[in-house]
C-alpha atoms as a PDB file:
ATOM      1  CA  UNK A   1     -30.335  32.208  38.365  1.00  0.00           C
ATOM      2  CA  UNK A   2     -27.457  30.107  37.010  1.00  0.00           C
ATOM      3  CA  UNK A   3     -27.126  29.716  33.249  1.00  0.00           C
ATOM      4  CA  UNK A   4     -26.713  26.533  31.238  1.00  0.00           C
ATOM      5  CA  UNK A   5     -25.687  26.686  27.585  1.00  0.00           C
ATOM      6  CA  UNK A   6     -26.559  23.818  25.284  1.00  0.00           C
ATOM      7  CA  UNK A   7     -23.861  24.282  22.612  1.00  0.00           C
ATOM      8  CA  UNK A   8     -24.548  23.501  18.970  1.00  0.00           C
ATOM      9  CA  UNK A   9     -21.318  23.850  16.989  1.00  0.00           C
ATOM     10  CA  UNK A  10     -21.274  24.854  13.325  1.00  0.00           C
ATOM     11  CA  UNK A  11     -17.487  24.789  12.797  1.00  0.00           C
ATOM     12  CA  UNK A  12     -16.273  27.353  10.273  1.00  0.00           C
ATOM     13  CA  UNK A  13     -19.568  27.227   8.402  1.00  0.00           C
ATOM     14  CA  UNK A  14     -20.627  30.400   6.667  1.00  0.00           C
ATOM     15  CA  UNK A  15     -17.253  32.146   6.808  1.00  0.00           C
ATOM     16  CA  UNK A  16     -15.170  32.729   3.652  1.00  0.00           C
ATOM     17  CA  UNK A  17     -12.424  34.475   5.633  1.00  0.00           C
ATOM     18  CA  UNK A  18      -9.360  32.842   7.152  1.00  0.00           C
ATOM     19  CA  UNK A  19      -8.690  35.240   9.991  1.00  0.00           C
ATOM     20  CA  UNK A  20      -5.088  35.132  11.174  1.00  0.00           C
ATOM     21  CA  UNK A  21      -5.962  33.463  14.479  1.00  0.00           C
ATOM     22  CA  UNK A  22      -8.711  31.108  13.387  1.00  0.00           C
ATOM     23  CA  UNK A  23      -8.744  27.339  13.399  1.00  0.00           C
ATOM     24  CA  UNK A  24     -12.318  26.560  14.410  1.00  0.00           C
ATOM     25  CA  UNK A  25     -11.869  22.817  14.042  1.00  0.00           C
ATOM     26  CA  UNK A  26      -9.228  22.861  16.763  1.00  0.00           C
ATOM     27  CA  UNK A  27     -11.130  25.262  19.008  1.00  0.00           C
ATOM     28  CA  UNK A  28     -14.357  23.269  18.945  1.00  0.00           C
ATOM     29  CA  UNK A  29     -12.990  19.785  18.309  1.00  0.00           C
ATOM     30  CA  UNK A  30     -15.814  19.376  15.775  1.00  0.00           C
ATOM     31  CA  UNK A  31     -14.938  18.631  12.139  1.00  0.00           C
ATOM     32  CA  UNK A  32     -18.295  17.596  10.667  1.00  0.00           C
ATOM     33  CA  UNK A  33     -21.931  18.639  10.632  1.00  0.00           C
ATOM     34  CA  UNK A  34     -24.033  16.996  13.268  1.00  0.00           C
ATOM     35  CA  UNK A  35     -27.303  15.411  12.205  1.00  0.00           C
ATOM     36  CA  UNK A  36     -30.638  16.728  13.437  1.00  0.00           C
ATOM     37  CA  UNK A  37     -31.062  13.632  15.591  1.00  0.00           C
ATOM     38  CA  UNK A  38     -27.639  14.124  17.209  1.00  0.00           C
ATOM     39  CA  UNK A  39     -28.510  17.745  17.972  1.00  0.00           C
ATOM     40  CA  UNK A  40     -31.898  16.848  19.410  1.00  0.00           C
ATOM     41  CA  UNK A  41     -30.437  14.025  21.496  1.00  0.00           C
ATOM     42  CA  UNK A  42     -27.869  16.362  23.069  1.00  0.00           C
ATOM     43  CA  UNK A  43     -30.521  18.976  23.801  1.00  0.00           C
ATOM     44  CA  UNK A  44     -32.800  16.383  25.404  1.00  0.00           C
ATOM     45  CA  UNK A  45     -29.978  14.853  27.460  1.00  0.00           C
ATOM     46  CA  UNK A  46     -28.876  18.198  28.870  1.00  0.00           C
ATOM     47  CA  UNK A  47     -32.423  19.387  29.588  1.00  0.00           C
ATOM     48  CA  UNK A  48     -33.229  16.099  31.350  1.00  0.00           C
ATOM     49  CA  UNK A  49     -30.059  16.347  33.457  1.00  0.00           C
ATOM     50  CA  UNK A  50     -31.070  19.693  34.986  1.00  0.00           C
ATOM     51  CA  UNK A  51     -32.451  19.077  38.474  1.00  0.00           C
ATOM     52  CA  UNK A  52     -33.001  22.626  39.723  1.00  0.00           C
ATOM     53  CA  UNK A  53     -34.194  25.914  38.260  1.00  0.00           C
ATOM     54  CA  UNK A  54     -31.776  27.249  35.632  1.00  0.00           C
ATOM     55  CA  UNK A  55     -31.793  29.691  32.725  1.00  0.00           C
ATOM     56  CA  UNK A  56     -31.219  27.356  29.777  1.00  0.00           C
ATOM     57  CA  UNK A  57     -30.071  28.556  26.361  1.00  0.00           C
ATOM     58  CA  UNK A  58     -29.449  26.757  23.102  1.00  0.00           C
ATOM     59  CA  UNK A  59     -26.292  28.411  21.757  1.00  0.00           C
ATOM     60  CA  UNK A  60     -25.001  28.201  18.180  1.00  0.00           C
ATOM     61  CA  UNK A  61     -21.221  28.610  18.327  1.00  0.00           C
ATOM     62  CA  UNK A  62     -18.162  27.829  16.258  1.00  0.00           C
ATOM     63  CA  UNK A  63     -18.848  29.631  12.985  1.00  0.00           C
ATOM     64  CA  UNK A  64     -20.543  32.630  11.455  1.00  0.00           C
ATOM     65  CA  UNK A  65     -24.099  31.414  11.932  1.00  0.00           C
ATOM     66  CA  UNK A  66     -25.890  33.987   9.773  1.00  0.00           C
ATOM     67  CA  UNK A  67     -23.434  33.352   6.934  1.00  0.00           C
ATOM     68  CA  UNK A  68     -24.443  29.734   6.358  1.00  0.00           C
ATOM     69  CA  UNK A  69     -27.142  28.977   3.821  1.00  0.00           C
ATOM     70  CA  UNK A  70     -30.449  30.394   4.959  1.00  0.00           C
ATOM     71  CA  UNK A  71     -32.302  27.088   4.699  1.00  0.00           C
ATOM     72  CA  UNK A  72     -29.867  25.423   7.104  1.00  0.00           C
ATOM     73  CA  UNK A  73     -30.045  28.382   9.484  1.00  0.00           C
ATOM     74  CA  UNK A  74     -33.810  28.081   9.593  1.00  0.00           C
ATOM     75  CA  UNK A  75     -33.675  24.316  10.058  1.00  0.00           C
ATOM     76  CA  UNK A  76     -31.368  24.702  13.069  1.00  0.00           C
ATOM     77  CA  UNK A  77     -33.386  27.605  14.437  1.00  0.00           C
ATOM     78  CA  UNK A  78     -36.622  25.649  14.081  1.00  0.00           C
ATOM     79  CA  UNK A  79     -35.178  22.893  16.275  1.00  0.00           C
ATOM     80  CA  UNK A  80     -34.299  25.425  18.966  1.00  0.00           C
ATOM     81  CA  UNK A  81     -37.604  27.286  18.585  1.00  0.00           C
ATOM     82  CA  UNK A  82     -39.530  24.080  19.271  1.00  0.00           C
ATOM     83  CA  UNK A  83     -37.943  23.783  22.729  1.00  0.00           C
ATOM     84  CA  UNK A  84     -38.469  27.495  23.344  1.00  0.00           C
ATOM     85  CA  UNK A  85     -42.176  27.266  22.487  1.00  0.00           C
ATOM     86  CA  UNK A  86     -42.579  24.280  24.820  1.00  0.00           C
ATOM     87  CA  UNK A  87     -40.958  26.213  27.649  1.00  0.00           C
ATOM     88  CA  UNK A  88     -38.065  23.755  27.948  1.00  0.00           C
ATOM     89  CA  UNK A  89     -35.462  26.466  27.312  1.00  0.00           C
ATOM     90  CA  UNK A  90     -35.373  30.184  28.049  1.00  0.00           C
ATOM     91  CA  UNK A  91     -33.430  31.595  25.124  1.00  0.00           C
ATOM     92  CA  UNK A  92     -31.555  31.095  21.848  1.00  0.00           C
ATOM     93  CA  UNK A  93     -28.045  32.511  21.412  1.00  0.00           C
ATOM     94  CA  UNK A  94     -25.927  32.676  18.284  1.00  0.00           C
ATOM     95  CA  UNK A  95     -22.520  33.957  17.273  1.00  0.00           C
ATOM     96  CA  UNK A  96     -21.778  35.625  13.932  1.00  0.00           C
ATOM     97  CA  UNK A  97     -19.852  38.361  12.139  1.00  0.00           C
ATOM     98  CA  UNK A  98     -20.709  42.088  12.027  1.00  0.00           C
ATOM     99  CA  UNK A  99     -20.837  42.011   8.210  1.00  0.00           C
ATOM    100  CA  UNK A 100     -23.403  39.183   8.251  1.00  0.00           C
ATOM    101  CA  UNK A 101     -26.151  41.255   9.838  1.00  0.00           C
ATOM    102  CA  UNK A 102     -29.015  42.865   7.908  1.00  0.00           C
ATOM    103  CA  UNK A 103     -32.664  43.755   8.425  1.00  0.00           C
ATOM    104  CA  UNK A 104     -33.694  40.657   6.448  1.00  0.00           C
ATOM    105  CA  UNK A 105     -31.589  38.417   8.691  1.00  0.00           C
ATOM    106  CA  UNK A 106     -32.750  40.048  11.913  1.00  0.00           C
ATOM    107  CA  UNK A 107     -36.390  39.739  10.861  1.00  0.00           C
ATOM    108  CA  UNK A 108     -36.271  35.950  10.706  1.00  0.00           C
ATOM    109  CA  UNK A 109     -34.019  35.657  13.762  1.00  0.00           C
ATOM    110  CA  UNK A 110     -36.710  37.534  15.672  1.00  0.00           C
ATOM    111  CA  UNK A 111     -39.402  35.267  14.217  1.00  0.00           C
ATOM    112  CA  UNK A 112     -37.593  32.185  15.534  1.00  0.00           C
ATOM    113  CA  UNK A 113     -37.235  33.683  18.996  1.00  0.00           C
ATOM    114  CA  UNK A 114     -33.491  34.391  19.030  1.00  0.00           C
ATOM    115  CA  UNK A 115     -32.706  36.286  22.221  1.00  0.00           C
ATOM    116  CA  UNK A 116     -28.946  36.897  22.066  1.00  0.00           C
ATOM    117  CA  UNK A 117     -26.650  37.834  19.179  1.00  0.00           C
ATOM    118  CA  UNK A 118     -22.899  37.878  19.714  1.00  0.00           C
ATOM    119  CA  UNK A 119     -20.649  39.577  17.179  1.00  0.00           C
ATOM    120  CA  UNK A 120     -17.011  38.650  16.833  1.00  0.00           C
ATOM    121  CA  UNK A 121     -15.613  42.175  16.863  1.00  0.00           C
ATOM    122  CA  UNK A 122     -12.068  41.382  18.083  1.00  0.00           C
ATOM    123  CA  UNK A 123     -10.802  44.957  17.550  1.00  0.00           C
ATOM    124  CA  UNK A 124     -12.105  48.419  16.702  1.00  0.00           C
ATOM    125  CA  UNK A 125      -8.820  49.416  15.056  1.00  0.00           C
ATOM    126  CA  UNK A 126      -9.038  49.263  11.254  1.00  0.00           C
ATOM    127  CA  UNK A 127      -5.302  48.591  10.838  1.00  0.00           C
ATOM    128  CA  UNK A 128      -5.546  45.602  13.174  1.00  0.00           C
ATOM    129  CA  UNK A 129      -8.698  44.285  11.482  1.00  0.00           C
ATOM    130  CA  UNK A 130      -7.053  44.508   8.050  1.00  0.00           C
ATOM    131  CA  UNK A 131      -3.790  42.913   9.207  1.00  0.00           C
ATOM    132  CA  UNK A 132      -5.707  39.933  10.636  1.00  0.00           C
ATOM    133  CA  UNK A 133      -7.870  39.463   7.522  1.00  0.00           C
ATOM    134  CA  UNK A 134     -11.145  40.096   9.340  1.00  0.00           C
ATOM    135  CA  UNK A 135     -12.926  41.255   6.187  1.00  0.00           C
ATOM    136  CA  UNK A 136     -14.757  44.175   7.832  1.00  0.00           C
ATOM    137  CA  UNK A 137     -13.904  47.498   9.458  1.00  0.00           C
ATOM    138  CA  UNK A 138     -14.896  49.184  12.708  1.00  0.00           C
ATOM    139  CA  UNK A 139     -17.677  51.163  11.022  1.00  0.00           C
ATOM    140  CA  UNK A 140     -19.330  47.861  10.059  1.00  0.00           C
ATOM    141  CA  UNK A 141     -19.299  46.837  13.734  1.00  0.00           C
ATOM    142  CA  UNK A 142     -20.995  50.076  14.754  1.00  0.00           C
ATOM    143  CA  UNK A 143     -23.648  49.766  12.018  1.00  0.00           C
ATOM    144  CA  UNK A 144     -24.454  46.146  12.866  1.00  0.00           C
ATOM    145  CA  UNK A 145     -24.606  46.867  16.598  1.00  0.00           C
ATOM    146  CA  UNK A 146     -26.911  49.840  16.114  1.00  0.00           C
ATOM    147  CA  UNK A 147     -29.223  47.834  13.845  1.00  0.00           C
ATOM    148  CA  UNK A 148     -29.438  44.925  16.309  1.00  0.00           C
ATOM    149  CA  UNK A 149     -30.217  47.234  19.221  1.00  0.00           C
ATOM    150  CA  UNK A 150     -32.880  49.084  17.199  1.00  0.00           C
ATOM    151  CA  UNK A 151     -35.055  45.949  17.182  1.00  0.00           C
ATOM    152  CA  UNK A 152     -35.369  45.819  20.949  1.00  0.00           C
ATOM    153  CA  UNK A 153     -35.734  42.048  20.671  1.00  0.00           C
ATOM    154  CA  UNK A 154     -32.122  40.978  21.123  1.00  0.00           C
ATOM    155  CA  UNK A 155     -29.405  41.193  23.728  1.00  0.00           C
ATOM    156  CA  UNK A 156     -26.169  42.260  22.038  1.00  0.00           C
ATOM    157  CA  UNK A 157     -22.788  40.721  22.824  1.00  0.00           C
ATOM    158  CA  UNK A 158     -19.487  41.997  21.414  1.00  0.00           C
ATOM    159  CA  UNK A 159     -16.431  39.748  21.647  1.00  0.00           C
ATOM    160  CA  UNK A 160     -12.953  41.281  22.074  1.00  0.00           C
ATOM    161  CA  UNK A 161      -9.475  39.859  21.349  1.00  0.00           C
ATOM    162  CA  UNK A 162      -6.619  41.847  22.871  1.00  0.00           C
ATOM    163  CA  UNK A 163      -3.130  41.055  21.623  1.00  0.00           C
ATOM    164  CA  UNK A 164      -3.819  40.483  17.931  1.00  0.00           C
ATOM    165  CA  UNK A 165      -1.161  40.875  15.242  1.00  0.00           C
ATOM    166  CA  UNK A 166      -0.330  44.594  14.792  1.00  0.00           C
ATOM    167  CA  UNK A 167      -2.125  45.528  18.009  1.00  0.00           C
ATOM    168  CA  UNK A 168      -0.727  46.715  21.338  1.00  0.00           C
ATOM    169  CA  UNK A 169      -2.095  47.513  24.822  1.00  0.00           C
ATOM    170  CA  UNK A 170      -2.968  51.092  23.887  1.00  0.00           C
ATOM    171  CA  UNK A 171      -4.930  50.015  20.802  1.00  0.00           C
ATOM    172  CA  UNK A 172      -6.687  47.273  22.769  1.00  0.00           C
ATOM    173  CA  UNK A 173      -7.798  49.666  25.503  1.00  0.00           C
ATOM    174  CA  UNK A 174      -8.998  52.220  22.937  1.00  0.00           C
ATOM    175  CA  UNK A 175     -10.933  49.410  21.212  1.00  0.00           C
ATOM    176  CA  UNK A 176     -12.559  48.473  24.510  1.00  0.00           C
ATOM    177  CA  UNK A 177     -13.663  52.063  25.036  1.00  0.00           C
ATOM    178  CA  UNK A 178     -15.149  52.199  21.524  1.00  0.00           C
ATOM    179  CA  UNK A 179     -16.960  48.912  22.158  1.00  0.00           C
ATOM    180  CA  UNK A 180     -18.323  50.300  25.421  1.00  0.00           C
ATOM    181  CA  UNK A 181     -19.685  53.310  23.512  1.00  0.00           C
ATOM    182  CA  UNK A 182     -21.836  50.900  21.471  1.00  0.00           C
ATOM    183  CA  UNK A 183     -23.540  49.868  24.733  1.00  0.00           C
ATOM    184  CA  UNK A 184     -23.617  46.083  24.308  1.00  0.00           C
ATOM    185  CA  UNK A 185     -25.366  44.050  26.977  1.00  0.00           C
ATOM    186  CA  UNK A 186     -22.400  41.748  27.411  1.00  0.00           C
ATOM    187  CA  UNK A 187     -18.935  40.898  26.177  1.00  0.00           C
ATOM    188  CA  UNK A 188     -16.347  38.154  26.179  1.00  0.00           C
ATOM    189  CA  UNK A 189     -12.644  38.929  26.491  1.00  0.00           C
ATOM    190  CA  UNK A 190     -10.472  36.402  24.657  1.00  0.00           C
ATOM    191  CA  UNK A 191      -6.763  37.315  24.739  1.00  0.00           C
ATOM    192  CA  UNK A 192      -5.128  36.152  21.541  1.00  0.00           C
ATOM    193  CA  UNK A 193      -3.521  32.712  21.648  1.00  0.00           C
ATOM    194  CA  UNK A 194      -1.807  30.925  18.787  1.00  0.00           C
ATOM    195  CA  UNK A 195      -3.113  27.722  17.256  1.00  0.00           C
ATOM    196  CA  UNK A 196      -1.127  25.651  14.788  1.00  0.00           C
ATOM    197  CA  UNK A 197      -2.199  25.719  11.145  1.00  0.00           C
ATOM    198  CA  UNK A 198      -3.108  29.403  11.258  1.00  0.00           C
ATOM    199  CA  UNK A 199      -1.522  32.473   9.684  1.00  0.00           C
ATOM    200  CA  UNK A 200      -0.754  33.754  13.163  1.00  0.00           C
ATOM    201  CA  UNK A 201       1.273  30.611  13.833  1.00  0.00           C
ATOM    202  CA  UNK A 202       3.274  31.182  10.647  1.00  0.00           C
ATOM    203  CA  UNK A 203       3.951  34.776  11.677  1.00  0.00           C
ATOM    204  CA  UNK A 204       4.979  33.568  15.137  1.00  0.00           C
ATOM    205  CA  UNK A 205       7.468  30.918  14.004  1.00  0.00           C
ATOM    206  CA  UNK A 206       9.007  33.423  11.559  1.00  0.00           C
ATOM    207  CA  UNK A 207       9.413  35.978  14.385  1.00  0.00           C
ATOM    208  CA  UNK A 208       6.987  38.420  12.754  1.00  0.00           C
ATOM    209  CA  UNK A 209       4.494  38.302  15.617  1.00  0.00           C
ATOM    210  CA  UNK A 210       5.156  38.319  19.340  1.00  0.00           C
ATOM    211  CA  UNK A 211       2.193  37.313  21.506  1.00  0.00           C
ATOM    212  CA  UNK A 212       1.503  38.999  24.815  1.00  0.00           C
ATOM    213  CA  UNK A 213       3.195  37.491  27.820  1.00  0.00           C
ATOM    214  CA  UNK A 214       0.790  36.070  30.374  1.00  0.00           C
ATOM    215  CA  UNK A 215       1.453  39.048  32.633  1.00  0.00           C
ATOM    216  CA  UNK A 216       0.724  41.583  29.877  1.00  0.00           C
ATOM    217  CA  UNK A 217      -2.414  39.718  28.769  1.00  0.00           C
ATOM    218  CA  UNK A 218      -3.705  39.699  32.352  1.00  0.00           C
ATOM    219  CA  UNK A 219      -3.010  43.427  32.724  1.00  0.00           C
ATOM    220  CA  UNK A 220      -4.673  44.440  29.438  1.00  0.00           C
ATOM    221  CA  UNK A 221      -7.655  42.149  29.994  1.00  0.00           C
ATOM    222  CA  UNK A 222      -8.012  43.616  33.487  1.00  0.00           C
ATOM    223  CA  UNK A 223      -8.090  47.157  32.085  1.00  0.00           C
ATOM    224  CA  UNK A 224     -10.733  46.084  29.557  1.00  0.00           C
ATOM    225  CA  UNK A 225     -12.731  44.438  32.340  1.00  0.00           C
ATOM    226  CA  UNK A 226     -12.670  47.706  34.330  1.00  0.00           C
ATOM    227  CA  UNK A 227     -13.952  49.649  31.306  1.00  0.00           C
ATOM    228  CA  UNK A 228     -16.799  47.163  30.930  1.00  0.00           C
ATOM    229  CA  UNK A 229     -17.721  47.341  34.610  1.00  0.00           C
ATOM    230  CA  UNK A 230     -17.690  51.140  34.578  1.00  0.00           C
ATOM    231  CA  UNK A 231     -19.980  51.065  31.530  1.00  0.00           C
ATOM    232  CA  UNK A 232     -22.421  48.533  33.002  1.00  0.00           C
ATOM    233  CA  UNK A 233     -21.464  45.808  30.507  1.00  0.00           C
ATOM    234  CA  UNK A 234     -21.670  42.237  31.766  1.00  0.00           C
ATOM    235  CA  UNK A 235     -18.454  40.276  31.117  1.00  0.00           C
ATOM    236  CA  UNK A 236     -19.616  36.734  30.350  1.00  0.00           C
ATOM    237  CA  UNK A 237     -16.175  35.153  30.076  1.00  0.00           C
ATOM    238  CA  UNK A 238     -12.482  36.030  30.211  1.00  0.00           C
ATOM    239  CA  UNK A 239     -10.191  33.598  28.375  1.00  0.00           C
ATOM    240  CA  UNK A 240     -10.909  30.462  26.368  1.00  0.00           C
ATOM    241  CA  UNK A 241     -12.226  27.392  28.132  1.00  0.00           C
ATOM    242  CA  UNK A 242      -9.754  24.564  28.606  1.00  0.00           C
ATOM    243  CA  UNK A 243     -10.398  21.514  26.408  1.00  0.00           C
ATOM    244  CA  UNK A 244      -8.480  18.511  25.097  1.00  0.00           C
ATOM    245  CA  UNK A 245      -7.586  20.691  22.094  1.00  0.00           C
ATOM    246  CA  UNK A 246      -7.018  24.084  23.742  1.00  0.00           C
ATOM    247  CA  UNK A 247      -4.690  23.845  26.729  1.00  0.00           C
ATOM    248  CA  UNK A 248      -1.231  24.901  27.910  1.00  0.00           C
ATOM    249  CA  UNK A 249       0.446  22.046  26.031  1.00  0.00           C
ATOM    250  CA  UNK A 250      -1.217  22.615  22.657  1.00  0.00           C
ATOM    251  CA  UNK A 251      -1.348  26.384  22.130  1.00  0.00           C
ATOM    252  CA  UNK A 252       1.166  29.212  22.228  1.00  0.00           C
ATOM    253  CA  UNK A 253       0.912  32.590  23.868  1.00  0.00           C
ATOM    254  CA  UNK A 254      -0.812  33.760  27.068  1.00  0.00           C
ATOM    255  CA  UNK A 255      -3.032  30.764  27.725  1.00  0.00           C
ATOM    256  CA  UNK A 256      -3.887  29.741  31.289  1.00  0.00           C
ATOM    257  CA  UNK A 257      -6.667  27.378  32.343  1.00  0.00           C
ATOM    258  CA  UNK A 258      -7.681  29.866  35.069  1.00  0.00           C
ATOM    259  CA  UNK A 259      -7.078  33.031  33.062  1.00  0.00           C
ATOM    260  CA  UNK A 260     -10.311  34.683  34.185  1.00  0.00           C
ATOM    261  CA  UNK A 261      -9.394  34.086  37.817  1.00  0.00           C
ATOM    262  CA  UNK A 262      -5.981  35.691  37.219  1.00  0.00           C
ATOM    263  CA  UNK A 263      -7.606  38.779  35.709  1.00  0.00           C
ATOM    264  CA  UNK A 264     -10.206  39.202  38.445  1.00  0.00           C
ATOM    265  CA  UNK A 265      -7.483  38.721  41.069  1.00  0.00           C
ATOM    266  CA  UNK A 266      -5.420  41.464  39.404  1.00  0.00           C
ATOM    267  CA  UNK A 267      -8.417  43.809  39.314  1.00  0.00           C
ATOM    268  CA  UNK A 268      -9.063  43.245  43.028  1.00  0.00           C
ATOM    269  CA  UNK A 269      -5.387  43.823  43.778  1.00  0.00           C
ATOM    270  CA  UNK A 270      -5.570  47.172  41.975  1.00  0.00           C
ATOM    271  CA  UNK A 271      -8.605  48.172  44.030  1.00  0.00           C
ATOM    272  CA  UNK A 272      -6.911  47.173  47.293  1.00  0.00           C
ATOM    273  CA  UNK A 273      -3.733  48.988  46.302  1.00  0.00           C
ATOM    274  CA  UNK A 274      -5.588  52.311  46.117  1.00  0.00           C
ATOM    275  CA  UNK A 275      -6.210  52.000  49.869  1.00  0.00           C
ATOM    276  CA  UNK A 276      -2.727  50.666  50.595  1.00  0.00           C
ATOM    277  CA  UNK A 277      -1.127  53.671  48.883  1.00  0.00           C
ATOM    278  CA  UNK A 278      -2.912  55.941  51.367  1.00  0.00           C
ATOM    279  CA  UNK A 279      -2.017  53.970  54.508  1.00  0.00           C
ATOM    280  CA  UNK A 280       1.082  51.809  53.882  1.00  0.00           C
ATOM    281  CA  UNK A 281       0.544  49.652  56.969  1.00  0.00           C
ATOM    282  CA  UNK A 282      -0.165  45.977  57.556  1.00  0.00           C
ATOM    283  CA  UNK A 283      -3.776  45.265  56.654  1.00  0.00           C
ATOM    284  CA  UNK A 284      -6.533  42.670  56.627  1.00  0.00           C
ATOM    285  CA  UNK A 285      -8.956  42.002  53.809  1.00  0.00           C
ATOM    286  CA  UNK A 286     -12.340  40.565  54.813  1.00  0.00           C
ATOM    287  CA  UNK A 287     -14.242  38.879  51.979  1.00  0.00           C
ATOM    288  CA  UNK A 288     -16.964  36.276  51.402  1.00  0.00           C
ATOM    289  CA  UNK A 289     -15.912  32.712  50.612  1.00  0.00           C
ATOM    290  CA  UNK A 290     -16.410  33.082  46.844  1.00  0.00           C
ATOM    291  CA  UNK A 291     -13.907  35.952  46.730  1.00  0.00           C
ATOM    292  CA  UNK A 292     -11.156  34.555  48.941  1.00  0.00           C
ATOM    293  CA  UNK A 293      -9.093  32.929  46.166  1.00  0.00           C
ATOM    294  CA  UNK A 294      -9.321  36.063  44.003  1.00  0.00           C
ATOM    295  CA  UNK A 295      -8.304  38.345  46.878  1.00  0.00           C
ATOM    296  CA  UNK A 296      -5.403  36.074  47.821  1.00  0.00           C
ATOM    297  CA  UNK A 297      -4.291  35.634  44.225  1.00  0.00           C
ATOM    298  CA  UNK A 298      -3.002  32.599  42.350  1.00  0.00           C
ATOM    299  CA  UNK A 299      -0.348  30.938  44.552  1.00  0.00           C
ATOM    300  CA  UNK A 300      -0.827  33.832  47.024  1.00  0.00           C
ATOM    301  CA  UNK A 301       0.443  36.262  44.399  1.00  0.00           C
ATOM    302  CA  UNK A 302      -1.398  39.275  45.841  1.00  0.00           C
ATOM    303  CA  UNK A 303      -0.041  38.631  49.338  1.00  0.00           C
ATOM    304  CA  UNK A 304       3.478  38.346  47.915  1.00  0.00           C
ATOM    305  CA  UNK A 305       2.970  41.483  45.808  1.00  0.00           C
ATOM    306  CA  UNK A 306       2.230  43.722  48.772  1.00  0.00           C
ATOM    307  CA  UNK A 307       5.013  42.130  50.822  1.00  0.00           C
ATOM    308  CA  UNK A 308       7.600  42.728  48.097  1.00  0.00           C
ATOM    309  CA  UNK A 309       6.468  46.174  46.944  1.00  0.00           C
ATOM    310  CA  UNK A 310       5.486  47.770  50.255  1.00  0.00           C
ATOM    311  CA  UNK A 311       7.170  45.513  52.840  1.00  0.00           C
ATOM    312  CA  UNK A 312       3.804  45.086  54.591  1.00  0.00           C
ATOM    313  CA  UNK A 313       1.711  42.053  55.502  1.00  0.00           C
ATOM    314  CA  UNK A 314      -1.632  41.279  53.950  1.00  0.00           C
ATOM    315  CA  UNK A 315      -3.988  39.009  55.870  1.00  0.00           C
ATOM    316  CA  UNK A 316      -7.158  37.553  54.342  1.00  0.00           C
ATOM    317  CA  UNK A 317     -10.182  36.576  56.459  1.00  0.00           C
ATOM    318  CA  UNK A 318     -13.461  35.007  55.393  1.00  0.00           C
ATOM    319  CA  UNK A 319     -16.650  36.862  56.288  1.00  0.00           C
ATOM    320  CA  UNK A 320     -19.745  35.510  54.593  1.00  0.00           C
ATOM    321  CA  UNK A 321     -21.893  38.376  55.862  1.00  0.00           C
ATOM    322  CA  UNK A 322     -20.207  40.538  53.225  1.00  0.00           C
ATOM    323  CA  UNK A 323     -21.063  40.655  49.524  1.00  0.00           C
ATOM    324  CA  UNK A 324     -17.802  42.449  48.667  1.00  0.00           C
ATOM    325  CA  UNK A 325     -14.358  42.804  50.238  1.00  0.00           C
ATOM    326  CA  UNK A 326     -13.514  45.203  53.057  1.00  0.00           C
ATOM    327  CA  UNK A 327     -10.039  46.436  54.083  1.00  0.00           C
ATOM    328  CA  UNK A 328      -8.902  47.393  57.594  1.00  0.00           C
ATOM    329  CA  UNK A 329      -5.432  48.594  58.586  1.00  0.00           C
ATOM    330  CA  UNK A 330      -3.498  47.704  61.757  1.00  0.00           C
END
């Protein structure tokens, strides 16, 4: 069943830290608190627009939800809980920090019917966390994750940010493996991009921080994706969504509006290459319609890759009887 998120943004509320990469007002485009009526109107409009069966969640994003004043948390949660009790939505999701999780907090989140808790982990390397002013260490992530899972009432999501200041591909891949060991239900992979009016931007313009190239970000994110797949962790999203605020013209670093597609295409190319290495002959890839663009690659990049590296031709054919790709050699 397809998912629909009804986003409720709480921009930078509840967070005393100015992480090196963070400018929530630019990411969300929201600079003020929405009124209860505005929130309810958006929820109603989205629910009423759904014409077929969907899994609908109210999702609190944009800040450290469990760090805002408890009374406001409960007011927002009560709005969501009302729609949950009436059967108009299927779940409540929120995003917060690992150091803003406790038994007291989880008790009332469970009471209000919260189904999904996402923690902004970003890295499991203490040097990287300190350098980016995260305000917590990797042990805090492990403790919070273990506590959340002990309730049995929540799905756990752990967000990752490869390419942070003082990180590198090796550290990012080790972090992904440590995150996988915590057995989250899902993850998001957000390669680090640079927003103006952040510490990371200052480091960048003073040549103290070099962001990943697009190629390196795709490679590292692909390796993280493979670790998640091997560990049975659902990858919800790869790369930030394009908005009027976050796009190729307004951020720096490895941003691409179809970043997730680039990563999945690279992962498929790696899988195909295992077979090509054994045969080294012209070949055809059969795949269902929804995989054709990923198999072919952005601007036919996978076809060009095999032509340039192996001097062989790659042909792609649609076969909707398949649920995965299949390779045959001439």
